[in-house]
Amino acid sequence: MRAVFVMIKCDLGKAYEVAEQAVETVPEVSEVHSTSGQYDLLAKFYLDDETDIGRFVTERVQTLPGVADTFTLITFNAFTRDSSPAGTRLA
């Protein structure tokens, strides 16, 4: 599994509806945050390694009603207080 973050720009007044729709209808969604700035939402998805990220975003995220634009961020490693990607403690 890998984490993919998608910044979502929504039609005016539709951010909360888009967030609710994503959480309810996209099983791969982990969390959706409302944000300030150029984009309205930041969504975190966990995808299988063999999943085509571009196809997932265009078919599952960009087609949600109220989505105007997206910007996708692909992550390399997640660092936490408890462990690094290799399973060793950072602090």
N, C-alpha and C. Protein backbone atom coordinates (compact mmCIF):
# COMPACT_ATOMS: atom_id res chain seq x y z
N MET A 1 0.84 -1.18 0.00
CA MET A 1 0.00 0.00 0.00
C MET A 1 0.88 1.24 0.00
N ARG A 2 0.41 2.27 -0.67
CA ARG A 2 1.13 3.54 -0.65
C ARG A 2 0.13 4.67 -0.46
N ALA A 3 0.59 5.72 0.18
CA ALA A 3 -0.25 6.88 0.42
C ALA A 3 -0.13 7.85 -0.75
N VAL A 4 -1.27 8.36 -1.18
CA VAL A 4 -1.33 9.37 -2.22
C VAL A 4 -2.20 10.50 -1.68
N PHE A 5 -1.70 11.72 -1.80
CA PHE A 5 -2.46 12.88 -1.36
C PHE A 5 -2.98 13.62 -2.59
N VAL A 6 -4.24 14.02 -2.55
CA VAL A 6 -4.82 14.77 -3.65
C VAL A 6 -5.41 16.06 -3.11
N MET A 7 -4.91 17.17 -3.63
CA MET A 7 -5.48 18.46 -3.30
C MET A 7 -6.64 18.69 -4.27
N ILE A 8 -7.78 19.11 -3.75
CA ILE A 8 -8.99 19.21 -4.55
C ILE A 8 -9.52 20.63 -4.52
N LYS A 9 -9.72 21.20 -5.70
CA LYS A 9 -10.38 22.50 -5.83
C LYS A 9 -11.84 22.21 -6.19
N CYS A 10 -12.75 22.82 -5.45
CA CYS A 10 -14.17 22.53 -5.61
C CYS A 10 -14.90 23.71 -6.26
N ASP A 11 -16.05 23.41 -6.84
CA ASP A 11 -16.94 24.48 -7.29
C ASP A 11 -17.33 25.29 -6.07
N LEU A 12 -17.64 26.57 -6.27
CA LEU A 12 -17.99 27.44 -5.15
C LEU A 12 -19.11 26.85 -4.31
N GLY A 13 -18.89 26.82 -3.01
CA GLY A 13 -19.90 26.33 -2.07
C GLY A 13 -20.06 24.83 -2.00
N LYS A 14 -19.18 24.07 -2.64
CA LYS A 14 -19.35 22.61 -2.71
C LYS A 14 -18.32 21.81 -1.93
N ALA A 15 -17.40 22.46 -1.22
CA ALA A 15 -16.31 21.73 -0.57
C ALA A 15 -16.80 20.68 0.42
N TYR A 16 -17.75 21.03 1.27
CA TYR A 16 -18.22 20.07 2.27
C TYR A 16 -18.95 18.91 1.61
N GLU A 17 -19.70 19.19 0.55
CA GLU A 17 -20.40 18.12 -0.16
C GLU A 17 -19.40 17.18 -0.82
N VAL A 18 -18.36 17.73 -1.42
CA VAL A 18 -17.33 16.90 -2.06
C VAL A 18 -16.63 16.04 -1.01
N ALA A 19 -16.29 16.63 0.13
CA ALA A 19 -15.62 15.87 1.20
C ALA A 19 -16.50 14.72 1.68
N GLU A 20 -17.77 15.00 1.93
CA GLU A 20 -18.68 13.95 2.39
C GLU A 20 -18.83 12.86 1.34
N GLN A 21 -18.94 13.24 0.08
CA GLN A 21 -19.09 12.28 -1.00
C GLN A 21 -17.85 11.39 -1.11
N ALA A 22 -16.67 11.98 -0.97
CA ALA A 22 -15.43 11.20 -1.05
C ALA A 22 -15.37 10.17 0.07
N VAL A 23 -15.69 10.60 1.28
CA VAL A 23 -15.63 9.69 2.44
C VAL A 23 -16.66 8.57 2.30
N GLU A 24 -17.82 8.88 1.76
CA GLU A 24 -18.90 7.90 1.66
C GLU A 24 -18.74 6.93 0.49
N THR A 25 -18.11 7.36 -0.60
CA THR A 25 -18.14 6.55 -1.82
C THR A 25 -16.80 6.03 -2.31
N VAL A 26 -15.70 6.51 -1.76
CA VAL A 26 -14.38 6.06 -2.24
C VAL A 26 -13.71 5.26 -1.12
N PRO A 27 -13.71 3.93 -1.23
CA PRO A 27 -13.18 3.09 -0.15
C PRO A 27 -11.71 3.34 0.17
N GLU A 28 -10.94 3.80 -0.79
CA GLU A 28 -9.51 4.02 -0.57
C GLU A 28 -9.20 5.27 0.25
N VAL A 29 -10.20 6.10 0.52
CA VAL A 29 -9.95 7.35 1.25
C VAL A 29 -9.65 7.04 2.71
N SER A 30 -8.62 7.69 3.24
CA SER A 30 -8.26 7.57 4.64
C SER A 30 -8.83 8.74 5.43
N GLU A 31 -8.65 9.94 4.88
CA GLU A 31 -9.15 11.15 5.53
C GLU A 31 -9.23 12.28 4.52
N VAL A 32 -10.08 13.24 4.81
CA VAL A 32 -10.23 14.44 3.98
C VAL A 32 -10.22 15.64 4.91
N HIS A 33 -9.37 16.61 4.60
CA HIS A 33 -9.25 17.83 5.41
C HIS A 33 -9.68 19.03 4.59
N SER A 34 -10.41 19.96 5.19
CA SER A 34 -10.67 21.24 4.54
C SER A 34 -9.43 22.10 4.77
N THR A 35 -9.07 22.90 3.76
CA THR A 35 -7.84 23.68 3.82
C THR A 35 -8.09 25.11 3.36
N SER A 36 -7.14 25.96 3.67
CA SER A 36 -7.16 27.32 3.12
C SER A 36 -6.21 27.36 1.93
N GLY A 37 -6.33 28.39 1.12
CA GLY A 37 -5.42 28.53 0.00
C GLY A 37 -6.06 28.20 -1.32
N GLN A 38 -5.24 27.85 -2.29
CA GLN A 38 -5.68 27.64 -3.66
C GLN A 38 -6.62 26.44 -3.80
N TYR A 39 -6.45 25.43 -2.97
CA TYR A 39 -7.30 24.24 -3.01
C TYR A 39 -8.16 24.20 -1.76
N ASP A 40 -9.32 23.56 -1.86
CA ASP A 40 -10.29 23.54 -0.77
C ASP A 40 -10.14 22.34 0.15
N LEU A 41 -9.67 21.22 -0.39
CA LEU A 41 -9.60 19.98 0.37
C LEU A 41 -8.25 19.30 0.13
N LEU A 42 -7.81 18.54 1.12
CA LEU A 42 -6.66 17.67 0.99
C LEU A 42 -7.12 16.27 1.39
N ALA A 43 -7.08 15.34 0.45
CA ALA A 43 -7.54 13.98 0.70
C ALA A 43 -6.36 13.02 0.69
N LYS A 44 -6.38 12.08 1.61
CA LYS A 44 -5.34 11.05 1.68
C LYS A 44 -5.97 9.71 1.31
N PHE A 45 -5.36 9.05 0.35
CA PHE A 45 -5.83 7.75 -0.11
C PHE A 45 -4.72 6.72 0.07
N TYR A 46 -5.09 5.49 0.37
CA TYR A 46 -4.15 4.38 0.38
C TYR A 46 -4.48 3.48 -0.80
N LEU A 47 -3.50 3.34 -1.70
CA LEU A 47 -3.70 2.55 -2.91
C LEU A 47 -2.77 1.35 -2.92
N ASP A 48 -3.24 0.25 -3.49
CA ASP A 48 -2.39 -0.92 -3.69
C ASP A 48 -1.24 -0.52 -4.61
N ASP A 49 -0.10 -1.17 -4.46
CA ASP A 49 1.08 -0.83 -5.25
C ASP A 49 0.83 -0.94 -6.75
N GLU A 50 -0.03 -1.84 -7.17
CA GLU A 50 -0.27 -2.02 -8.60
C GLU A 50 -1.36 -1.11 -9.16
N THR A 51 -1.99 -0.31 -8.33
CA THR A 51 -3.04 0.61 -8.79
C THR A 51 -2.43 1.74 -9.61
N ASP A 52 -3.02 2.02 -10.76
CA ASP A 52 -2.60 3.13 -11.62
C ASP A 52 -3.11 4.42 -10.97
N ILE A 53 -2.20 5.23 -10.44
CA ILE A 53 -2.58 6.45 -9.71
C ILE A 53 -3.32 7.42 -10.61
N GLY A 54 -2.83 7.63 -11.82
CA GLY A 54 -3.49 8.55 -12.74
C GLY A 54 -4.91 8.15 -13.05
N ARG A 55 -5.11 6.87 -13.31
CA ARG A 55 -6.47 6.38 -13.60
C ARG A 55 -7.36 6.52 -12.36
N PHE A 56 -6.82 6.20 -11.19
CA PHE A 56 -7.60 6.33 -9.95
C PHE A 56 -8.06 7.77 -9.77
N VAL A 57 -7.15 8.72 -9.90
CA VAL A 57 -7.51 10.13 -9.69
C VAL A 57 -8.52 10.59 -10.73
N THR A 58 -8.29 10.27 -12.00
CA THR A 58 -9.20 10.75 -13.04
C THR A 58 -10.57 10.08 -12.98
N GLU A 59 -10.62 8.81 -12.61
CA GLU A 59 -11.90 8.09 -12.61
C GLU A 59 -12.64 8.14 -11.27
N ARG A 60 -11.92 8.22 -10.15
CA ARG A 60 -12.58 8.14 -8.85
C ARG A 60 -12.66 9.47 -8.11
N VAL A 61 -11.69 10.36 -8.33
CA VAL A 61 -11.67 11.63 -7.60
C VAL A 61 -12.22 12.77 -8.46
N GLN A 62 -11.69 12.92 -9.67
CA GLN A 62 -12.11 14.03 -10.52
C GLN A 62 -13.57 13.93 -10.95
N THR A 63 -14.14 12.76 -10.88
CA THR A 63 -15.54 12.59 -11.29
C THR A 63 -16.54 12.83 -10.16
N LEU A 64 -16.05 13.08 -8.95
CA LEU A 64 -16.97 13.40 -7.85
C LEU A 64 -17.69 14.70 -8.17
N PRO A 65 -19.00 14.76 -7.96
CA PRO A 65 -19.73 15.99 -8.25
C PRO A 65 -19.18 17.17 -7.44
N GLY A 66 -18.91 18.28 -8.13
CA GLY A 66 -18.41 19.47 -7.46
C GLY A 66 -16.91 19.65 -7.51
N VAL A 67 -16.17 18.67 -8.06
CA VAL A 67 -14.72 18.79 -8.18
C VAL A 67 -14.40 19.60 -9.43
N ALA A 68 -13.61 20.67 -9.26
CA ALA A 68 -13.22 21.52 -10.39
C ALA A 68 -11.81 21.22 -10.88
N ASP A 69 -10.90 20.82 -9.97
CA ASP A 69 -9.50 20.60 -10.33
C ASP A 69 -8.84 19.78 -9.23
N THR A 70 -7.75 19.10 -9.58
CA THR A 70 -6.99 18.34 -8.58
C THR A 70 -5.50 18.54 -8.80
N PHE A 71 -4.74 18.28 -7.75
CA PHE A 71 -3.28 18.29 -7.79
C PHE A 71 -2.83 17.12 -6.93
N THR A 72 -2.11 16.18 -7.54
CA THR A 72 -1.75 14.94 -6.87
C THR A 72 -0.32 14.96 -6.36
N LEU A 73 -0.14 14.52 -5.11
CA LEU A 73 1.17 14.39 -4.49
C LEU A 73 1.41 12.92 -4.18
N ILE A 74 2.52 12.40 -4.68
CA ILE A 74 2.89 11.02 -4.41
C ILE A 74 3.99 11.04 -3.35
N THR A 75 3.82 10.27 -2.30
CA THR A 75 4.78 10.28 -1.20
C THR A 75 5.79 9.15 -1.35
N PHE A 76 6.94 9.34 -0.71
CA PHE A 76 7.98 8.32 -0.72
C PHE A 76 8.00 7.54 0.60
N ASN A 77 8.16 8.24 1.71
CA ASN A 77 8.25 7.61 3.03
C ASN A 77 7.41 8.39 4.03
N ALA A 78 6.90 7.69 5.02
CA ALA A 78 6.19 8.33 6.13
C ALA A 78 7.04 8.19 7.38
N PHE A 79 7.29 9.28 8.05
CA PHE A 79 8.07 9.27 9.28
C PHE A 79 7.14 9.59 10.44
N THR A 80 7.18 8.78 11.48
CA THR A 80 6.32 8.98 12.64
C THR A 80 7.17 8.98 13.90
N ARG A 81 6.55 9.31 15.01
CA ARG A 81 7.27 9.28 16.29
C ARG A 81 7.65 7.85 16.68
N ASP A 82 6.83 6.90 16.30
CA ASP A 82 7.05 5.52 16.71
C ASP A 82 8.06 4.76 15.85
N SER A 83 8.09 5.05 14.55
CA SER A 83 8.99 4.27 13.69
C SER A 83 9.26 4.99 12.38
N SER A 84 10.36 4.63 11.76
CA SER A 84 10.68 5.10 10.42
C SER A 84 10.15 4.06 9.44
N PRO A 85 10.23 4.30 8.12
CA PRO A 85 9.75 3.30 7.16
C PRO A 85 10.43 1.94 7.32
N ALA A 86 11.67 1.93 7.80
CA ALA A 86 12.37 0.65 7.97
C ALA A 86 12.02 -0.02 9.30
N GLY A 87 11.18 0.65 10.09
CA GLY A 87 10.75 0.07 11.34
C GLY A 87 11.62 0.43 12.53
N THR A 88 12.56 1.35 12.36
CA THR A 88 13.40 1.76 13.48
C THR A 88 12.89 3.06 14.05
N ARG A 89 13.09 3.20 15.33
CA ARG A 89 12.60 4.38 16.05
C ARG A 89 13.41 5.62 15.68
N LEU A 90 12.73 6.75 15.42
CA LEU A 90 13.40 7.99 15.08
C LEU A 90 13.85 8.78 16.29
N ALA A 91 13.06 8.77 17.35
CA ALA A 91 13.40 9.60 18.52
C ALA A 91 13.27 8.78 19.79
